[in-house]
PDB file of all heavy atoms in Angstrom:
ATOM      1  N   ALA A   1    -200.511 -11.020 -40.170  1.00  0.00           N
ATOM      2  CA  ALA A   1    -199.666  -9.919 -40.240  1.00  0.00           C
ATOM      3  C   ALA A   1    -198.409 -10.212 -41.146  1.00  0.00           C
ATOM      4  O   ALA A   1    -197.824  -9.236 -41.709  1.00  0.00           O
ATOM      5  CB  ALA A   1    -199.218  -9.505 -38.891  1.00  0.00           C
ATOM      6  N   ILE A   2    -198.082 -11.470 -41.276  1.00  0.00           N
ATOM      7  CA  ILE A   2    -196.827 -11.777 -42.049  1.00  0.00           C
ATOM      8  C   ILE A   2    -197.054 -11.542 -43.530  1.00  0.00           C
ATOM      9  O   ILE A   2    -196.238 -10.772 -44.157  1.00  0.00           O
ATOM     10  CB  ILE A   2    -196.402 -13.276 -41.763  1.00  0.00           C
ATOM     11  CG1 ILE A   2    -196.056 -13.403 -40.309  1.00  0.00           C
ATOM     12  CG2 ILE A   2    -195.211 -13.660 -42.558  1.00  0.00           C
ATOM     13  CD1 ILE A   2    -195.894 -14.865 -39.817  1.00  0.00           C
ATOM     14  N   PRO A   3    -198.056 -12.224 -44.164  1.00  0.00           N
ATOM     15  CA  PRO A   3    -198.214 -11.894 -45.609  1.00  0.00           C
ATOM     16  C   PRO A   3    -198.607 -10.423 -45.866  1.00  0.00           C
ATOM     17  O   PRO A   3    -198.222  -9.811 -46.937  1.00  0.00           O
ATOM     18  CB  PRO A   3    -199.323 -12.897 -46.073  1.00  0.00           C
ATOM     19  CG  PRO A   3    -199.963 -13.287 -44.817  1.00  0.00           C
ATOM     20  CD  PRO A   3    -198.967 -13.219 -43.742  1.00  0.00           C
ATOM     21  N   THR A   4    -199.383  -9.883 -44.918  1.00  0.00           N
ATOM     22  CA  THR A   4    -199.800  -8.453 -45.087  1.00  0.00           C
ATOM     23  C   THR A   4    -198.552  -7.514 -44.990  1.00  0.00           C
ATOM     24  O   THR A   4    -198.449  -6.594 -45.801  1.00  0.00           O
ATOM     25  CB  THR A   4    -200.846  -8.002 -44.084  1.00  0.00           C
ATOM     26  OG1 THR A   4    -201.872  -9.022 -44.009  1.00  0.00           O
ATOM     27  CG2 THR A   4    -201.442  -6.648 -44.358  1.00  0.00           C
ATOM     28  N   GLY A   5    -197.678  -7.818 -44.061  1.00  0.00           N
ATOM     29  CA  GLY A   5    -196.460  -6.994 -44.042  1.00  0.00           C
ATOM     30  C   GLY A   5    -195.572  -7.154 -45.231  1.00  0.00           C
ATOM     31  O   GLY A   5    -194.985  -6.216 -45.637  1.00  0.00           O
ATOM     32  N   THR A   6    -195.573  -8.389 -45.715  1.00  0.00           N
ATOM     33  CA  THR A   6    -194.844  -8.554 -47.035  1.00  0.00           C
ATOM     34  C   THR A   6    -195.313  -7.648 -48.096  1.00  0.00           C
ATOM     35  O   THR A   6    -194.491  -7.064 -48.782  1.00  0.00           O
ATOM     36  CB  THR A   6    -194.984 -10.065 -47.546  1.00  0.00           C
ATOM     37  OG1 THR A   6    -194.538 -10.917 -46.532  1.00  0.00           O
ATOM     38  CG2 THR A   6    -194.250 -10.333 -48.755  1.00  0.00           C
ATOM     39  N   LYS A   7    -196.613  -7.564 -48.174  1.00  0.00           N
ATOM     40  CA  LYS A   7    -197.230  -6.641 -49.264  1.00  0.00           C
ATOM     41  C   LYS A   7    -196.838  -5.213 -49.026  1.00  0.00           C
ATOM     42  O   LYS A   7    -196.452  -4.469 -49.909  1.00  0.00           O
ATOM     43  CB  LYS A   7    -198.784  -6.815 -49.319  1.00  0.00           C
ATOM     44  CG  LYS A   7    -199.183  -8.208 -49.755  1.00  0.00           C
ATOM     45  CD  LYS A   7    -200.661  -8.269 -49.891  1.00  0.00           C
ATOM     46  CE  LYS A   7    -201.071  -7.641 -51.214  1.00  0.00           C
ATOM     47  NZ  LYS A   7    -200.647  -8.322 -52.370  1.00  0.00           N
ATOM     48  N   ILE A   8    -196.910  -4.723 -47.738  1.00  0.00           N
ATOM     49  CA  ILE A   8    -196.625  -3.396 -47.371  1.00  0.00           C
ATOM     50  C   ILE A   8    -195.173  -3.099 -47.750  1.00  0.00           C
ATOM     51  O   ILE A   8    -194.910  -1.990 -48.426  1.00  0.00           O
ATOM     52  CB  ILE A   8    -196.866  -3.151 -45.833  1.00  0.00           C
ATOM     53  CG1 ILE A   8    -198.384  -3.320 -45.539  1.00  0.00           C
ATOM     54  CG2 ILE A   8    -196.397  -1.738 -45.518  1.00  0.00           C
ATOM     55  CD1 ILE A   8    -199.209  -2.284 -46.067  1.00  0.00           C
ATOM     56  N   PHE A   9    -194.211  -3.981 -47.398  1.00  0.00           N
ATOM     57  CA  PHE A   9    -192.758  -3.651 -47.656  1.00  0.00           C
ATOM     58  C   PHE A   9    -192.525  -3.713 -49.172  1.00  0.00           C
ATOM     59  O   PHE A   9    -191.629  -2.912 -49.674  1.00  0.00           O
ATOM     60  CB  PHE A   9    -191.920  -4.690 -46.861  1.00  0.00           C
ATOM     61  CG  PHE A   9    -191.876  -4.377 -45.375  1.00  0.00           C
ATOM     62  CD1 PHE A   9    -192.242  -5.234 -44.462  1.00  0.00           C
ATOM     63  CD2 PHE A   9    -191.309  -3.072 -44.943  1.00  0.00           C
ATOM     64  CE1 PHE A   9    -192.199  -4.954 -43.094  1.00  0.00           C
ATOM     65  CE2 PHE A   9    -191.268  -2.778 -43.644  1.00  0.00           C
ATOM     66  CZ  PHE A   9    -191.633  -3.726 -42.606  1.00  0.00           C
ATOM     67  N   ASN A  10    -193.152  -4.622 -49.861  1.00  0.00           N
ATOM     68  CA  ASN A  10    -192.920  -4.701 -51.346  1.00  0.00           C
ATOM     69  C   ASN A  10    -193.466  -3.365 -52.004  1.00  0.00           C
ATOM     70  O   ASN A  10    -192.912  -2.870 -52.933  1.00  0.00           O
ATOM     71  CB  ASN A  10    -193.591  -5.896 -51.933  1.00  0.00           C
ATOM     72  CG  ASN A  10    -192.795  -7.109 -51.616  1.00  0.00           C
ATOM     73  OD1 ASN A  10    -191.733  -7.002 -51.009  1.00  0.00           O
ATOM     74  ND2 ASN A  10    -193.330  -8.334 -52.045  1.00  0.00           N
ATOM     75  N   TRP A  11    -194.630  -2.942 -51.526  1.00  0.00           N
ATOM     76  CA  TRP A  11    -195.157  -1.616 -52.150  1.00  0.00           C
ATOM     77  C   TRP A  11    -194.229  -0.516 -51.836  1.00  0.00           C
ATOM     78  O   TRP A  11    -193.930   0.332 -52.676  1.00  0.00           O
ATOM     79  CB  TRP A  11    -196.550  -1.319 -51.542  1.00  0.00           C
ATOM     80  CG  TRP A  11    -197.648  -2.108 -52.154  1.00  0.00           C
ATOM     81  CD1 TRP A  11    -197.760  -2.439 -53.453  1.00  0.00           C
ATOM     82  CD2 TRP A  11    -198.874  -2.516 -51.489  1.00  0.00           C
ATOM     83  NE1 TRP A  11    -199.016  -3.170 -53.647  1.00  0.00           N
ATOM     84  CE2 TRP A  11    -199.625  -3.255 -52.418  1.00  0.00           C
ATOM     85  CE3 TRP A  11    -199.325  -2.514 -50.238  1.00  0.00           C
ATOM     86  CZ2 TRP A  11    -200.830  -3.810 -52.175  1.00  0.00           C
ATOM     87  CZ3 TRP A  11    -200.605  -3.062 -49.888  1.00  0.00           C
ATOM     88  CH2 TRP A  11    -201.309  -3.700 -50.877  1.00  0.00           C
ATOM     89  N   LEU A  12    -193.689  -0.459 -50.612  1.00  0.00           N
ATOM     90  CA  LEU A  12    -192.745   0.660 -50.208  1.00  0.00           C
ATOM     91  C   LEU A  12    -191.530   0.506 -51.079  1.00  0.00           C
ATOM     92  O   LEU A  12    -190.898   1.506 -51.438  1.00  0.00           O
ATOM     93  CB  LEU A  12    -192.492   0.593 -48.725  1.00  0.00           C
ATOM     94  CG  LEU A  12    -193.635   1.027 -47.797  1.00  0.00           C
ATOM     95  CD1 LEU A  12    -193.296   0.839 -46.410  1.00  0.00           C
ATOM     96  CD2 LEU A  12    -194.112   2.500 -48.127  1.00  0.00           C
ATOM     97  N   GLY A  13    -191.059  -0.765 -51.285  1.00  0.00           N
ATOM     98  CA  GLY A  13    -189.827  -0.934 -52.126  1.00  0.00           C
ATOM     99  C   GLY A  13    -190.064  -0.491 -53.563  1.00  0.00           C
ATOM    100  O   GLY A  13    -189.169   0.177 -54.178  1.00  0.00           O
ATOM    101  N   THR A  14    -191.203  -0.716 -54.048  1.00  0.00           N
ATOM    102  CA  THR A  14    -191.607  -0.217 -55.423  1.00  0.00           C
ATOM    103  C   THR A  14    -191.598   1.330 -55.387  1.00  0.00           C
ATOM    104  O   THR A  14    -191.106   1.955 -56.319  1.00  0.00           O
ATOM    105  CB  THR A  14    -192.943  -0.717 -55.797  1.00  0.00           C
ATOM    106  OG1 THR A  14    -193.021  -2.128 -55.661  1.00  0.00           O
ATOM    107  CG2 THR A  14    -193.236  -0.427 -57.250  1.00  0.00           C
ATOM    108  N   TYR A  15    -192.251   1.838 -54.343  1.00  0.00           N
ATOM    109  CA  TYR A  15    -192.247   3.332 -54.279  1.00  0.00           C
ATOM    110  C   TYR A  15    -190.930   4.022 -54.161  1.00  0.00           C
ATOM    111  O   TYR A  15    -190.617   4.939 -54.838  1.00  0.00           O
ATOM    112  CB  TYR A  15    -193.092   3.653 -52.937  1.00  0.00           C
ATOM    113  CG  TYR A  15    -192.922   5.074 -52.474  1.00  0.00           C
ATOM    114  CD1 TYR A  15    -193.558   6.146 -53.090  1.00  0.00           C
ATOM    115  CD2 TYR A  15    -192.138   5.396 -51.330  1.00  0.00           C
ATOM    116  CE1 TYR A  15    -193.428   7.420 -52.660  1.00  0.00           C
ATOM    117  CE2 TYR A  15    -192.013   6.644 -50.817  1.00  0.00           C
ATOM    118  CZ  TYR A  15    -192.628   7.619 -51.489  1.00  0.00           C
ATOM    119  OH  TYR A  15    -192.484   8.885 -51.058  1.00  0.00           O
ATOM    120  N   MET A  16    -190.032   3.372 -53.390  1.00  0.00           N
ATOM    121  CA  MET A  16    -188.665   3.979 -53.256  1.00  0.00           C
ATOM    122  C   MET A  16    -187.819   3.924 -54.608  1.00  0.00           C
ATOM    123  O   MET A  16    -186.937   4.668 -54.759  1.00  0.00           O
ATOM    124  CB  MET A  16    -187.935   3.275 -52.071  1.00  0.00           C
ATOM    125  CG  MET A  16    -188.466   3.711 -50.774  1.00  0.00           C
ATOM    126  SD  MET A  16    -187.362   3.012 -49.458  1.00  0.00           S
ATOM    127  CE  MET A  16    -187.725   1.297 -49.521  1.00  0.00           C
ATOM    128  N   ALA A  17    -188.183   2.985 -55.374  1.00  0.00           N
ATOM    129  CA  ALA A  17    -187.477   2.926 -56.663  1.00  0.00           C
ATOM    130  C   ALA A  17    -188.067   3.804 -57.744  1.00  0.00           C
ATOM    131  O   ALA A  17    -187.635   3.778 -58.935  1.00  0.00           O
ATOM    132  CB  ALA A  17    -187.530   1.449 -57.216  1.00  0.00           C
ATOM    133  N   SER A  18    -189.023   4.658 -57.412  1.00  0.00           N
ATOM    134  CA  SER A  18    -189.728   5.465 -58.409  1.00  0.00           C
ATOM    135  C   SER A  18    -188.918   6.662 -58.779  1.00  0.00           C
ATOM    136  O   SER A  18    -188.023   7.176 -58.100  1.00  0.00           O
ATOM    137  CB  SER A  18    -191.110   5.810 -57.918  1.00  0.00           C
ATOM    138  OG  SER A  18    -190.980   6.809 -56.803  1.00  0.00           O
ATOM    139  N   ASP A  19    -189.253   7.198 -59.992  1.00  0.00           N
ATOM    140  CA  ASP A  19    -188.721   8.486 -60.502  1.00  0.00           C
ATOM    141  C   ASP A  19    -189.615   9.630 -60.056  1.00  0.00           C
ATOM    142  O   ASP A  19    -190.781   9.611 -60.165  1.00  0.00           O
ATOM    143  CB  ASP A  19    -188.631   8.332 -62.012  1.00  0.00           C
ATOM    144  CG  ASP A  19    -188.042   9.594 -62.572  1.00  0.00           C
ATOM    145  OD1 ASP A  19    -187.554  10.532 -61.785  1.00  0.00           O
ATOM    146  OD2 ASP A  19    -187.965   9.815 -63.812  1.00  0.00           O
ATOM    147  N   TYR A  20    -188.964  10.599 -59.513  1.00  0.00           N
ATOM    148  CA  TYR A  20    -189.747  11.776 -58.901  1.00  0.00           C
ATOM    149  C   TYR A  20    -190.643  12.402 -59.937  1.00  0.00           C
ATOM    150  O   TYR A  20    -191.671  12.997 -59.664  1.00  0.00           O
ATOM    151  CB  TYR A  20    -188.805  12.808 -58.313  1.00  0.00           C
ATOM    152  CG  TYR A  20    -188.253  12.410 -56.979  1.00  0.00           C
ATOM    153  CD1 TYR A  20    -187.099  11.598 -56.874  1.00  0.00           C
ATOM    154  CD2 TYR A  20    -188.887  12.795 -55.843  1.00  0.00           C
ATOM    155  CE1 TYR A  20    -186.634  11.242 -55.606  1.00  0.00           C
ATOM    156  CE2 TYR A  20    -188.363  12.357 -54.548  1.00  0.00           C
ATOM    157  CZ  TYR A  20    -187.255  11.587 -54.433  1.00  0.00           C
ATOM    158  OH  TYR A  20    -186.874  11.228 -53.254  1.00  0.00           O
ATOM    159  N   THR A  21    -190.231  12.422 -61.258  1.00  0.00           N
ATOM    160  CA  THR A  21    -190.947  13.100 -62.259  1.00  0.00           C
ATOM    161  C   THR A  21    -192.265  12.399 -62.633  1.00  0.00           C
ATOM    162  O   THR A  21    -193.111  13.028 -63.291  1.00  0.00           O
ATOM    163  CB  THR A  21    -190.108  13.242 -63.533  1.00  0.00           C
ATOM    164  OG1 THR A  21    -189.781  11.971 -64.011  1.00  0.00           O
ATOM    165  CG2 THR A  21    -188.908  14.061 -63.216  1.00  0.00           C
ATOM    166  N   THR A  22    -192.468  11.243 -62.205  1.00  0.00           N
ATOM    167  CA  THR A  22    -193.611  10.485 -62.640  1.00  0.00           C
ATOM    168  C   THR A  22    -194.756  10.537 -61.608  1.00  0.00           C
ATOM    169  O   THR A  22    -195.845   9.957 -61.826  1.00  0.00           O
ATOM    170  CB  THR A  22    -193.225   8.969 -62.867  1.00  0.00           C
ATOM    171  OG1 THR A  22    -192.814   8.389 -61.683  1.00  0.00           O
ATOM    172  CG2 THR A  22    -192.267   8.857 -63.989  1.00  0.00           C
ATOM    173  N   ARG A  23    -194.540  11.178 -60.397  1.00  0.00           N
ATOM    174  CA  ARG A  23    -195.611  11.055 -59.473  1.00  0.00           C
ATOM    175  C   ARG A  23    -196.693  12.016 -59.727  1.00  0.00           C
ATOM    176  O   ARG A  23    -196.473  13.238 -59.984  1.00  0.00           O
ATOM    177  CB  ARG A  23    -194.955  11.399 -58.102  1.00  0.00           C
ATOM    178  CG  ARG A  23    -193.883  10.341 -57.757  1.00  0.00           C
ATOM    179  CD  ARG A  23    -193.216  10.707 -56.380  1.00  0.00           C
ATOM    180  NE  ARG A  23    -192.231   9.765 -56.096  1.00  0.00           N
ATOM    181  CZ  ARG A  23    -191.422   9.867 -55.085  1.00  0.00           C
ATOM    182  NH1 ARG A  23    -191.460  10.972 -54.212  1.00  0.00           N
ATOM    183  NH2 ARG A  23    -190.525   8.963 -54.786  1.00  0.00           N
ATOM    184  N   ASN A  24    -197.891  11.567 -59.666  1.00  0.00           N
ATOM    185  CA  ASN A  24    -199.015  12.465 -59.776  1.00  0.00           C
ATOM    186  C   ASN A  24    -200.070  12.121 -58.595  1.00  0.00           C
ATOM    187  O   ASN A  24    -199.703  11.319 -57.745  1.00  0.00           O
ATOM    188  CB  ASN A  24    -199.768  12.449 -61.188  1.00  0.00           C
ATOM    189  CG  ASN A  24    -200.586  11.140 -61.295  1.00  0.00           C
ATOM    190  OD1 ASN A  24    -200.601  10.256 -60.453  1.00  0.00           O
ATOM    191  ND2 ASN A  24    -201.326  11.088 -62.387  1.00  0.00           N
ATOM    192  N   ILE A  25    -201.242  12.715 -58.641  1.00  0.00           N
ATOM    193  CA  ILE A  25    -202.125  12.674 -57.452  1.00  0.00           C
ATOM    194  C   ILE A  25    -202.559  11.243 -57.170  1.00  0.00           C
ATOM    195  O   ILE A  25    -202.716  10.765 -56.035  1.00  0.00           O
ATOM    196  CB  ILE A  25    -203.379  13.504 -57.814  1.00  0.00           C
ATOM    197  CG1 ILE A  25    -204.231  13.633 -56.530  1.00  0.00           C
ATOM    198  CG2 ILE A  25    -204.172  13.006 -58.857  1.00  0.00           C
ATOM    199  CD1 ILE A  25    -203.499  14.244 -55.301  1.00  0.00           C
ATOM    200  N   ASP A  26    -202.702  10.367 -58.151  1.00  0.00           N
ATOM    201  CA  ASP A  26    -203.102   8.954 -57.973  1.00  0.00           C
ATOM    202  C   ASP A  26    -202.003   8.249 -57.267  1.00  0.00           C
ATOM    203  O   ASP A  26    -202.219   7.323 -56.429  1.00  0.00           O
ATOM    204  CB  ASP A  26    -203.494   8.302 -59.264  1.00  0.00           C
ATOM    205  CG  ASP A  26    -204.367   7.171 -58.989  1.00  0.00           C
ATOM    206  OD1 ASP A  26    -205.090   7.092 -58.015  1.00  0.00           O
ATOM    207  OD2 ASP A  26    -204.265   6.124 -59.832  1.00  0.00           O
ATOM    208  N   PHE A  27    -200.749   8.534 -57.578  1.00  0.00           N
ATOM    209  CA  PHE A  27    -199.582   7.915 -56.938  1.00  0.00           C
ATOM    210  C   PHE A  27    -199.727   8.253 -55.401  1.00  0.00           C
ATOM    211  O   PHE A  27    -199.443   7.363 -54.611  1.00  0.00           O
ATOM    212  CB  PHE A  27    -198.330   8.511 -57.569  1.00  0.00           C
ATOM    213  CG  PHE A  27    -197.119   7.864 -57.001  1.00  0.00           C
ATOM    214  CD1 PHE A  27    -196.574   6.751 -57.681  1.00  0.00           C
ATOM    215  CD2 PHE A  27    -196.451   8.284 -55.918  1.00  0.00           C
ATOM    216  CE1 PHE A  27    -195.455   6.106 -57.176  1.00  0.00           C
ATOM    217  CE2 PHE A  27    -195.332   7.681 -55.418  1.00  0.00           C
ATOM    218  CZ  PHE A  27    -194.809   6.609 -56.114  1.00  0.00           C
ATOM    219  N   TRP A  28    -199.974   9.477 -55.017  1.00  0.00           N
ATOM    220  CA  TRP A  28    -200.039   9.853 -53.638  1.00  0.00           C
ATOM    221  C   TRP A  28    -201.281   9.242 -52.965  1.00  0.00           C
ATOM    222  O   TRP A  28    -201.225   8.935 -51.789  1.00  0.00           O
ATOM    223  CB  TRP A  28    -200.046  11.346 -53.567  1.00  0.00           C
ATOM    224  CG  TRP A  28    -198.772  12.028 -53.973  1.00  0.00           C
ATOM    225  CD1 TRP A  28    -198.577  12.828 -54.992  1.00  0.00           C
ATOM    226  CD2 TRP A  28    -197.477  11.814 -53.441  1.00  0.00           C
ATOM    227  NE1 TRP A  28    -197.296  13.173 -55.172  1.00  0.00           N
ATOM    228  CE2 TRP A  28    -196.575  12.569 -54.113  1.00  0.00           C
ATOM    229  CE3 TRP A  28    -197.009  11.042 -52.282  1.00  0.00           C
ATOM    230  CZ2 TRP A  28    -195.184  12.638 -53.899  1.00  0.00           C
ATOM    231  CZ3 TRP A  28    -195.633  11.143 -52.023  1.00  0.00           C
ATOM    232  CH2 TRP A  28    -194.712  11.889 -52.876  1.00  0.00           C
ATOM    233  N   ALA A  29    -202.355   8.988 -53.721  1.00  0.00           N
ATOM    234  CA  ALA A  29    -203.537   8.282 -53.114  1.00  0.00           C
ATOM    235  C   ALA A  29    -203.087   6.900 -52.826  1.00  0.00           C
ATOM    236  O   ALA A  29    -203.438   6.348 -51.690  1.00  0.00           O
ATOM    237  CB  ALA A  29    -204.691   8.341 -54.176  1.00  0.00           C
TER     238      ALA A  29
END
C-alpha cells in the first residue's frame, strides 16, 4: 500500500495542477 499510495497521491497532485481548459474525456477516464 505504501508505493501504491505514493502513485495515487502523485497522480492527484498532477491532476490538481492542471488547467481547466485542457480537460477532455480521456482525462476524466
